[in-house]
Amino acid sequence: MHAALICRDKTDALSLRMDTRQAHLDYVARTGVVEFAGPFLNDKGQMCGSLIILRVDSLDIARAWAAEDPYAKAGLFESVEIHEWKKVIG
């Protein structure tokens, strides 16, 4: 199954995002469950959140993955939504 993580950064958290970005990217590579991902951008073109699509066996696994993400552990996110997602196009 696929799980979509919709993560919104806290206000003025770009420096925290940049400070933890490499750890986040290393986690993505190490875990091997991210099918695709990328940042949301604000009106200034700055990163302000993330869309992450995971390929996992359950939403519980997706929740556990999200909790262990270095971004989450650093307190970057104001909110995180996790939904089952069905790929239809692409």
PDB file of N, CA and C in Angstrom:
ATOM      1  N   MET A   1       0.834  -1.175   0.000  1.00  0.00           N
ATOM      2  CA  MET A   1       0.000   0.000   0.000  1.00  0.00           C
ATOM      3  C   MET A   1       0.879   1.239   0.000  1.00  0.00           C
ATOM      4  N   HIS A   2       0.273   2.348  -0.353  1.00  0.00           N
ATOM      5  CA  HIS A   2       0.960   3.632  -0.291  1.00  0.00           C
ATOM      6  C   HIS A   2       0.378   4.465   0.849  1.00  0.00           C
ATOM      7  N   ALA A   3       1.235   5.248   1.475  1.00  0.00           N
ATOM      8  CA  ALA A   3       0.810   6.204   2.480  1.00  0.00           C
ATOM      9  C   ALA A   3       1.367   7.567   2.102  1.00  0.00           C
ATOM     10  N   ALA A   4       0.519   8.571   2.168  1.00  0.00           N
ATOM     11  CA  ALA A   4       0.928   9.943   1.887  1.00  0.00           C
ATOM     12  C   ALA A   4       1.113  10.682   3.205  1.00  0.00           C
ATOM     13  N   LEU A   5       2.281  11.281   3.367  1.00  0.00           N
ATOM     14  CA  LEU A   5       2.561  12.129   4.517  1.00  0.00           C
ATOM     15  C   LEU A   5       2.542  13.572   4.031  1.00  0.00           C
ATOM     16  N   ILE A   6       1.703  14.377   4.631  1.00  0.00           N
ATOM     17  CA  ILE A   6       1.608  15.798   4.311  1.00  0.00           C
ATOM     18  C   ILE A   6       2.075  16.539   5.558  1.00  0.00           C
ATOM     19  N   CYS A   7       3.258  17.114   5.455  1.00  0.00           N
ATOM     20  CA  CYS A   7       3.907  17.712   6.614  1.00  0.00           C
ATOM     21  C   CYS A   7       4.056  19.213   6.391  1.00  0.00           C
ATOM     22  N   ARG A   8       3.649  19.993   7.370  1.00  0.00           N
ATOM     23  CA  ARG A   8       3.762  21.453   7.314  1.00  0.00           C
ATOM     24  C   ARG A   8       4.754  21.905   8.378  1.00  0.00           C
ATOM     25  N   ASP A   9       5.753  22.680   7.952  1.00  0.00           N
ATOM     26  CA  ASP A   9       6.763  23.171   8.880  1.00  0.00           C
ATOM     27  C   ASP A   9       6.183  24.229   9.813  1.00  0.00           C
ATOM     28  N   LYS A  10       6.786  24.369  10.973  1.00  0.00           N
ATOM     29  CA  LYS A  10       6.474  25.474  11.869  1.00  0.00           C
ATOM     30  C   LYS A  10       6.899  26.775  11.189  1.00  0.00           C
ATOM     31  N   THR A  11       6.307  27.867  11.569  1.00  0.00           N
ATOM     32  CA  THR A  11       6.644  29.178  11.024  1.00  0.00           C
ATOM     33  C   THR A  11       8.119  29.499  11.296  1.00  0.00           C
ATOM     34  N   ASP A  12       8.770  30.044  10.286  1.00  0.00           N
ATOM     35  CA  ASP A  12      10.172  30.476  10.400  1.00  0.00           C
ATOM     36  C   ASP A  12      11.110  29.344  10.813  1.00  0.00           C
ATOM     37  N   ALA A  13      10.892  28.155  10.263  1.00  0.00           N
ATOM     38  CA  ALA A  13      11.704  26.992  10.636  1.00  0.00           C
ATOM     39  C   ALA A  13      12.670  26.565   9.537  1.00  0.00           C
ATOM     40  N   LEU A  14      12.907  27.423   8.553  1.00  0.00           N
ATOM     41  CA  LEU A  14      13.782  27.041   7.440  1.00  0.00           C
ATOM     42  C   LEU A  14      15.185  26.670   7.930  1.00  0.00           C
ATOM     43  N   SER A  15      15.728  27.404   8.883  1.00  0.00           N
ATOM     44  CA  SER A  15      17.078  27.080   9.368  1.00  0.00           C
ATOM     45  C   SER A  15      17.099  25.707  10.048  1.00  0.00           C
ATOM     46  N   LEU A  16      16.056  25.357  10.793  1.00  0.00           N
ATOM     47  CA  LEU A  16      15.975  24.029  11.403  1.00  0.00           C
ATOM     48  C   LEU A  16      15.899  22.960  10.316  1.00  0.00           C
ATOM     49  N   ARG A  17      15.101  23.201   9.281  1.00  0.00           N
ATOM     50  CA  ARG A  17      15.005  22.264   8.155  1.00  0.00           C
ATOM     51  C   ARG A  17      16.375  22.055   7.528  1.00  0.00           C
ATOM     52  N   MET A  18      17.083  23.133   7.276  1.00  0.00           N
ATOM     53  CA  MET A  18      18.379  23.021   6.613  1.00  0.00           C
ATOM     54  C   MET A  18      19.401  22.329   7.515  1.00  0.00           C
ATOM     55  N   ASP A  19      19.332  22.583   8.813  1.00  0.00           N
ATOM     56  CA  ASP A  19      20.263  21.955   9.755  1.00  0.00           C
ATOM     57  C   ASP A  19      20.065  20.445   9.853  1.00  0.00           C
ATOM     58  N   THR A  20      18.841  19.968   9.620  1.00  0.00           N
ATOM     59  CA  THR A  20      18.549  18.537   9.760  1.00  0.00           C
ATOM     60  C   THR A  20      18.330  17.847   8.417  1.00  0.00           C
ATOM     61  N   ARG A  21      18.487  18.568   7.331  1.00  0.00           N
ATOM     62  CA  ARG A  21      18.173  18.029   6.006  1.00  0.00           C
ATOM     63  C   ARG A  21      19.005  16.793   5.656  1.00  0.00           C
ATOM     64  N   GLN A  22      20.307  16.837   5.902  1.00  0.00           N
ATOM     65  CA  GLN A  22      21.134  15.684   5.543  1.00  0.00           C
ATOM     66  C   GLN A  22      20.745  14.444   6.335  1.00  0.00           C
ATOM     67  N   ALA A  23      20.452  14.611   7.623  1.00  0.00           N
ATOM     68  CA  ALA A  23      20.014  13.466   8.431  1.00  0.00           C
ATOM     69  C   ALA A  23      18.702  12.907   7.891  1.00  0.00           C
ATOM     70  N   HIS A  24      17.794  13.785   7.481  1.00  0.00           N
ATOM     71  CA  HIS A  24      16.523  13.351   6.884  1.00  0.00           C
ATOM     72  C   HIS A  24      16.777  12.573   5.593  1.00  0.00           C
ATOM     73  N   LEU A  25      17.619  13.111   4.712  1.00  0.00           N
ATOM     74  CA  LEU A  25      17.910  12.431   3.443  1.00  0.00           C
ATOM     75  C   LEU A  25      18.609  11.099   3.670  1.00  0.00           C
ATOM     76  N   ASP A  26      19.488  11.028   4.654  1.00  0.00           N
ATOM     77  CA  ASP A  26      20.141   9.757   4.995  1.00  0.00           C
ATOM     78  C   ASP A  26      19.116   8.738   5.483  1.00  0.00           C
ATOM     79  N   TYR A  27      18.159   9.187   6.291  1.00  0.00           N
ATOM     80  CA  TYR A  27      17.090   8.312   6.795  1.00  0.00           C
ATOM     81  C   TYR A  27      16.248   7.791   5.641  1.00  0.00           C
ATOM     82  N   VAL A  28      15.891   8.670   4.721  1.00  0.00           N
ATOM     83  CA  VAL A  28      15.124   8.259   3.537  1.00  0.00           C
ATOM     84  C   VAL A  28      15.874   7.166   2.779  1.00  0.00           C
ATOM     85  N   ALA A  29      17.154   7.375   2.532  1.00  0.00           N
ATOM     86  CA  ALA A  29      17.956   6.398   1.786  1.00  0.00           C
ATOM     87  C   ALA A  29      18.096   5.085   2.551  1.00  0.00           C
ATOM     88  N   ARG A  30      18.330   5.174   3.848  1.00  0.00           N
ATOM     89  CA  ARG A  30      18.557   3.982   4.666  1.00  0.00           C
ATOM     90  C   ARG A  30      17.314   3.114   4.801  1.00  0.00           C
ATOM     91  N   THR A  31      16.145   3.733   4.917  1.00  0.00           N
ATOM     92  CA  THR A  31      14.923   2.956   5.157  1.00  0.00           C
ATOM     93  C   THR A  31      14.354   2.331   3.892  1.00  0.00           C
ATOM     94  N   GLY A  32      14.546   2.945   2.741  1.00  0.00           N
ATOM     95  CA  GLY A  32      14.148   2.352   1.468  1.00  0.00           C
ATOM     96  C   GLY A  32      12.656   2.232   1.210  1.00  0.00           C
ATOM     97  N   VAL A  33      11.817   2.979   1.930  1.00  0.00           N
ATOM     98  CA  VAL A  33      10.370   2.863   1.722  1.00  0.00           C
ATOM     99  C   VAL A  33       9.751   4.094   1.048  1.00  0.00           C
ATOM    100  N   VAL A  34      10.559   5.105   0.803  1.00  0.00           N
ATOM    101  CA  VAL A  34      10.048   6.319   0.172  1.00  0.00           C
ATOM    102  C   VAL A  34      10.001   6.106  -1.336  1.00  0.00           C
ATOM    103  N   GLU A  35       8.794   6.182  -1.884  1.00  0.00           N
ATOM    104  CA  GLU A  35       8.631   6.012  -3.330  1.00  0.00           C
ATOM    105  C   GLU A  35       8.942   7.319  -4.062  1.00  0.00           C
ATOM    106  N   PHE A  36       8.448   8.425  -3.534  1.00  0.00           N
ATOM    107  CA  PHE A  36       8.874   9.738  -3.998  1.00  0.00           C
ATOM    108  C   PHE A  36       8.531  10.772  -2.940  1.00  0.00           C
ATOM    109  N   ALA A  37       9.196  11.927  -3.036  1.00  0.00           N
ATOM    110  CA  ALA A  37       9.017  12.949  -2.014  1.00  0.00           C
ATOM    111  C   ALA A  37       9.578  14.274  -2.508  1.00  0.00           C
ATOM    112  N   GLY A  38       9.183  15.325  -1.830  1.00  0.00           N
ATOM    113  CA  GLY A  38       9.727  16.645  -2.115  1.00  0.00           C
ATOM    114  C   GLY A  38       9.097  17.679  -1.218  1.00  0.00           C
ATOM    115  N   PRO A  39       9.723  18.856  -1.185  1.00  0.00           N
ATOM    116  CA  PRO A  39       9.239  19.904  -0.299  1.00  0.00           C
ATOM    117  C   PRO A  39       8.115  20.728  -0.914  1.00  0.00           C
ATOM    118  N   PHE A  40       7.252  21.237  -0.045  1.00  0.00           N
ATOM    119  CA  PHE A  40       6.334  22.300  -0.433  1.00  0.00           C
ATOM    120  C   PHE A  40       7.141  23.594  -0.410  1.00  0.00           C
ATOM    121  N   LEU A  41       6.744  24.544  -1.249  1.00  0.00           N
ATOM    122  CA  LEU A  41       7.422  25.839  -1.293  1.00  0.00           C
ATOM    123  C   LEU A  41       6.449  26.952  -0.966  1.00  0.00           C
ATOM    124  N   ASN A  42       6.930  27.957  -0.246  1.00  0.00           N
ATOM    125  CA  ASN A  42       6.083  29.111   0.041  1.00  0.00           C
ATOM    126  C   ASN A  42       6.160  30.111  -1.110  1.00  0.00           C
ATOM    127  N   ASP A  43       5.535  31.255  -0.955  1.00  0.00           N
ATOM    128  CA  ASP A  43       5.493  32.238  -2.034  1.00  0.00           C
ATOM    129  C   ASP A  43       6.850  32.882  -2.327  1.00  0.00           C
ATOM    130  N   LYS A  44       7.834  32.639  -1.472  1.00  0.00           N
ATOM    131  CA  LYS A  44       9.198  33.121  -1.703  1.00  0.00           C
ATOM    132  C   LYS A  44      10.083  32.034  -2.306  1.00  0.00           C
ATOM    133  N   GLY A  45       9.490  30.860  -2.566  1.00  0.00           N
ATOM    134  CA  GLY A  45      10.249  29.739  -3.115  1.00  0.00           C
ATOM    135  C   GLY A  45      11.056  28.978  -2.072  1.00  0.00           C
ATOM    136  N   GLN A  46      10.778  29.211  -0.795  1.00  0.00           N
ATOM    137  CA  GLN A  46      11.488  28.532   0.283  1.00  0.00           C
ATOM    138  C   GLN A  46      10.728  27.285   0.730  1.00  0.00           C
ATOM    139  N   MET A  47      11.477  26.258   1.127  1.00  0.00           N
ATOM    140  CA  MET A  47      10.862  25.034   1.617  1.00  0.00           C
ATOM    141  C   MET A  47      10.074  25.315   2.896  1.00  0.00           C
ATOM    142  N   CYS A  48       8.858  24.760   2.956  1.00  0.00           N
ATOM    143  CA  CYS A  48       7.994  25.026   4.114  1.00  0.00           C
ATOM    144  C   CYS A  48       7.183  23.800   4.525  1.00  0.00           C
ATOM    145  N   GLY A  49       7.518  22.649   4.015  1.00  0.00           N
ATOM    146  CA  GLY A  49       6.804  21.425   4.338  1.00  0.00           C
ATOM    147  C   GLY A  49       7.257  20.309   3.418  1.00  0.00           C
ATOM    148  N   SER A  50       6.633  19.164   3.531  1.00  0.00           N
ATOM    149  CA  SER A  50       7.022  18.001   2.733  1.00  0.00           C
ATOM    150  C   SER A  50       5.813  17.177   2.327  1.00  0.00           C
ATOM    151  N   LEU A  51       5.890  16.618   1.137  1.00  0.00           N
ATOM    152  CA  LEU A  51       4.981  15.571   0.689  1.00  0.00           C
ATOM    153  C   LEU A  51       5.839  14.331   0.496  1.00  0.00           C
ATOM    154  N   ILE A  52       5.503  13.267   1.199  1.00  0.00           N
ATOM    155  CA  ILE A  52       6.280  12.034   1.147  1.00  0.00           C
ATOM    156  C   ILE A  52       5.311  10.883   0.886  1.00  0.00           C
ATOM    157  N   ILE A  53       5.596  10.108  -0.144  1.00  0.00           N
ATOM    158  CA  ILE A  53       4.795   8.917  -0.446  1.00  0.00           C
ATOM    159  C   ILE A  53       5.622   7.687  -0.078  1.00  0.00           C
ATOM    160  N   LEU A  54       5.091   6.922   0.857  1.00  0.00           N
ATOM    161  CA  LEU A  54       5.753   5.698   1.312  1.00  0.00           C
ATOM    162  C   LEU A  54       5.086   4.481   0.717  1.00  0.00           C
ATOM    163  N   ARG A  55       5.862   3.448   0.475  1.00  0.00           N
ATOM    164  CA  ARG A  55       5.319   2.132   0.116  1.00  0.00           C
ATOM    165  C   ARG A  55       5.568   1.235   1.322  1.00  0.00           C
ATOM    166  N   VAL A  56       4.485   0.951   2.052  1.00  0.00           N
ATOM    167  CA  VAL A  56       4.571   0.207   3.310  1.00  0.00           C
ATOM    168  C   VAL A  56       3.419  -0.794   3.397  1.00  0.00           C
ATOM    169  N   ASP A  57       3.468  -1.642   4.401  1.00  0.00           N
ATOM    170  CA  ASP A  57       2.425  -2.658   4.574  1.00  0.00           C
ATOM    171  C   ASP A  57       1.210  -2.174   5.357  1.00  0.00           C
ATOM    172  N   SER A  58       1.361  -1.062   6.098  1.00  0.00           N
ATOM    173  CA  SER A  58       0.237  -0.588   6.908  1.00  0.00           C
ATOM    174  C   SER A  58       0.431   0.880   7.273  1.00  0.00           C
ATOM    175  N   LEU A  59      -0.661   1.513   7.690  1.00  0.00           N
ATOM    176  CA  LEU A  59      -0.566   2.883   8.178  1.00  0.00           C
ATOM    177  C   LEU A  59       0.228   2.953   9.484  1.00  0.00           C
ATOM    178  N   ASP A  60       0.190   1.892  10.278  1.00  0.00           N
ATOM    179  CA  ASP A  60       0.993   1.875  11.504  1.00  0.00           C
ATOM    180  C   ASP A  60       2.483   1.964  11.192  1.00  0.00           C
ATOM    181  N   ILE A  61       2.914   1.274  10.147  1.00  0.00           N
ATOM    182  CA  ILE A  61       4.316   1.354   9.732  1.00  0.00           C
ATOM    183  C   ILE A  61       4.634   2.764   9.237  1.00  0.00           C
ATOM    184  N   ALA A  62       3.715   3.358   8.506  1.00  0.00           N
ATOM    185  CA  ALA A  62       3.910   4.738   8.032  1.00  0.00           C
ATOM    186  C   ALA A  62       4.023   5.691   9.218  1.00  0.00           C
ATOM    187  N   ARG A  63       3.176   5.517  10.219  1.00  0.00           N
ATOM    188  CA  ARG A  63       3.230   6.375  11.404  1.00  0.00           C
ATOM    189  C   ARG A  63       4.567   6.212  12.137  1.00  0.00           C
ATOM    190  N   ALA A  64       5.027   4.984  12.246  1.00  0.00           N
ATOM    191  CA  ALA A  64       6.310   4.725  12.907  1.00  0.00           C
ATOM    192  C   ALA A  64       7.457   5.343  12.114  1.00  0.00           C
ATOM    193  N   TRP A  65       7.398   5.221  10.775  1.00  0.00           N
ATOM    194  CA  TRP A  65       8.430   5.829   9.929  1.00  0.00           C
ATOM    195  C   TRP A  65       8.443   7.342  10.150  1.00  0.00           C
ATOM    196  N   ALA A  66       7.273   7.955  10.149  1.00  0.00           N
ATOM    197  CA  ALA A  66       7.169   9.402  10.320  1.00  0.00           C
ATOM    198  C   ALA A  66       7.707   9.839  11.682  1.00  0.00           C
ATOM    199  N   ALA A  67       7.448   9.078  12.711  1.00  0.00           N
ATOM    200  CA  ALA A  67       7.905   9.437  14.059  1.00  0.00           C
ATOM    201  C   ALA A  67       9.427   9.381  14.178  1.00  0.00           C
ATOM    202  N   GLU A  68      10.066   8.515  13.400  1.00  0.00           N
ATOM    203  CA  GLU A  68      11.520   8.362  13.457  1.00  0.00           C
ATOM    204  C   GLU A  68      12.261   9.281  12.483  1.00  0.00           C
ATOM    205  N   ASP A  69      11.542   9.974  11.628  1.00  0.00           N
ATOM    206  CA  ASP A  69      12.163  10.899  10.679  1.00  0.00           C
ATOM    207  C   ASP A  69      12.916  11.980  11.462  1.00  0.00           C
ATOM    208  N   PRO A  70      14.176  12.225  11.134  1.00  0.00           N
ATOM    209  CA  PRO A  70      14.924  13.274  11.834  1.00  0.00           C
ATOM    210  C   PRO A  70      14.245  14.647  11.820  1.00  0.00           C
ATOM    211  N   TYR A  71      13.510  14.966  10.771  1.00  0.00           N
ATOM    212  CA  TYR A  71      12.759  16.219  10.775  1.00  0.00           C
ATOM    213  C   TYR A  71      11.759  16.246  11.926  1.00  0.00           C
ATOM    214  N   ALA A  72      11.027  15.154  12.093  1.00  0.00           N
ATOM    215  CA  ALA A  72      10.039  15.081  13.172  1.00  0.00           C
ATOM    216  C   ALA A  72      10.718  15.118  14.541  1.00  0.00           C
ATOM    217  N   LYS A  73      11.802  14.382  14.680  1.00  0.00           N
ATOM    218  CA  LYS A  73      12.511  14.344  15.955  1.00  0.00           C
ATOM    219  C   LYS A  73      13.079  15.704  16.337  1.00  0.00           C
ATOM    220  N   ALA A  74      13.411  16.507  15.322  1.00  0.00           N
ATOM    221  CA  ALA A  74      13.945  17.848  15.570  1.00  0.00           C
ATOM    222  C   ALA A  74      12.846  18.861  15.882  1.00  0.00           C
ATOM    223  N   GLY A  75      11.586  18.464  15.723  1.00  0.00           N
ATOM    224  CA  GLY A  75      10.474  19.365  16.000  1.00  0.00           C
ATOM    225  C   GLY A  75      10.171  20.329  14.865  1.00  0.00           C
ATOM    226  N   LEU A  76      10.511  19.957  13.634  1.00  0.00           N
ATOM    227  CA  LEU A  76      10.316  20.831  12.481  1.00  0.00           C
ATOM    228  C   LEU A  76       8.846  21.065  12.150  1.00  0.00           C
ATOM    229  N   PHE A  77       8.033  20.045  12.302  1.00  0.00           N
ATOM    230  CA  PHE A  77       6.681  20.111  11.767  1.00  0.00           C
ATOM    231  C   PHE A  77       5.653  20.694  12.735  1.00  0.00           C
ATOM    232  N   GLU A  78       4.815  21.553  12.178  1.00  0.00           N
ATOM    233  CA  GLU A  78       3.645  22.056  12.893  1.00  0.00           C
ATOM    234  C   GLU A  78       2.533  21.013  12.865  1.00  0.00           C
ATOM    235  N   SER A  79       2.435  20.314  11.724  1.00  0.00           N
ATOM    236  CA  SER A  79       1.410  19.279  11.592  1.00  0.00           C
ATOM    237  C   SER A  79       1.884  18.201  10.625  1.00  0.00           C
ATOM    238  N   VAL A  80       1.387  16.994  10.845  1.00  0.00           N
ATOM    239  CA  VAL A  80       1.657  15.860   9.958  1.00  0.00           C
ATOM    240  C   VAL A  80       0.348  15.100   9.779  1.00  0.00           C
ATOM    241  N   GLU A  81      -0.058  14.952   8.529  1.00  0.00           N
ATOM    242  CA  GLU A  81      -1.214  14.118   8.200  1.00  0.00           C
ATOM    243  C   GLU A  81      -0.694  12.870   7.494  1.00  0.00           C
ATOM    244  N   ILE A  82      -1.275  11.736   7.819  1.00  0.00           N
ATOM    245  CA  ILE A  82      -0.896  10.478   7.175  1.00  0.00           C
ATOM    246  C   ILE A  82      -2.172   9.814   6.683  1.00  0.00           C
ATOM    247  N   HIS A  83      -2.217   9.560   5.382  1.00  0.00           N
ATOM    248  CA  HIS A  83      -3.399   8.991   4.753  1.00  0.00           C
ATOM    249  C   HIS A  83      -3.002   7.841   3.842  1.00  0.00           C
ATOM    250  N   GLU A  84      -3.851   6.831   3.778  1.00  0.00           N
ATOM    251  CA  GLU A  84      -3.671   5.830   2.727  1.00  0.00           C
ATOM    252  C   GLU A  84      -3.919   6.518   1.399  1.00  0.00           C
ATOM    253  N   TRP A  85      -3.106   6.178   0.402  1.00  0.00           N
ATOM    254  CA  TRP A  85      -3.170   6.854  -0.898  1.00  0.00           C
ATOM    255  C   TRP A  85      -3.156   5.801  -1.993  1.00  0.00           C
ATOM    256  N   LYS A  86      -3.945   6.026  -3.021  1.00  0.00           N
ATOM    257  CA  LYS A  86      -4.019   5.094  -4.151  1.00  0.00           C
ATOM    258  C   LYS A  86      -3.453   5.780  -5.387  1.00  0.00           C
ATOM    259  N   LYS A  87      -2.420   5.187  -5.950  1.00  0.00           N
ATOM    260  CA  LYS A  87      -1.816   5.685  -7.173  1.00  0.00           C
ATOM    261  C   LYS A  87      -2.718   5.317  -8.344  1.00  0.00           C
ATOM    262  N   VAL A  88      -3.094   6.307  -9.148  1.00  0.00           N
ATOM    263  CA  VAL A  88      -3.960   6.061 -10.298  1.00  0.00           C
ATOM    264  C   VAL A  88      -3.269   6.447 -11.596  1.00  0.00           C
ATOM    265  N   ILE A  89      -2.543   7.558 -11.592  1.00  0.00           N
ATOM    266  CA  ILE A  89      -1.896   8.070 -12.795  1.00  0.00           C
ATOM    267  C   ILE A  89      -0.406   8.230 -12.530  1.00  0.00           C
ATOM    268  N   GLY A  90       0.398   7.892 -13.520  1.00  0.00           N
ATOM    269  CA  GLY A  90       1.849   8.132 -13.431  1.00  0.00           C
ATOM    270  C   GLY A  90       2.675   6.955 -13.089  1.00  0.00           C
TER     271      GLY A  90
END
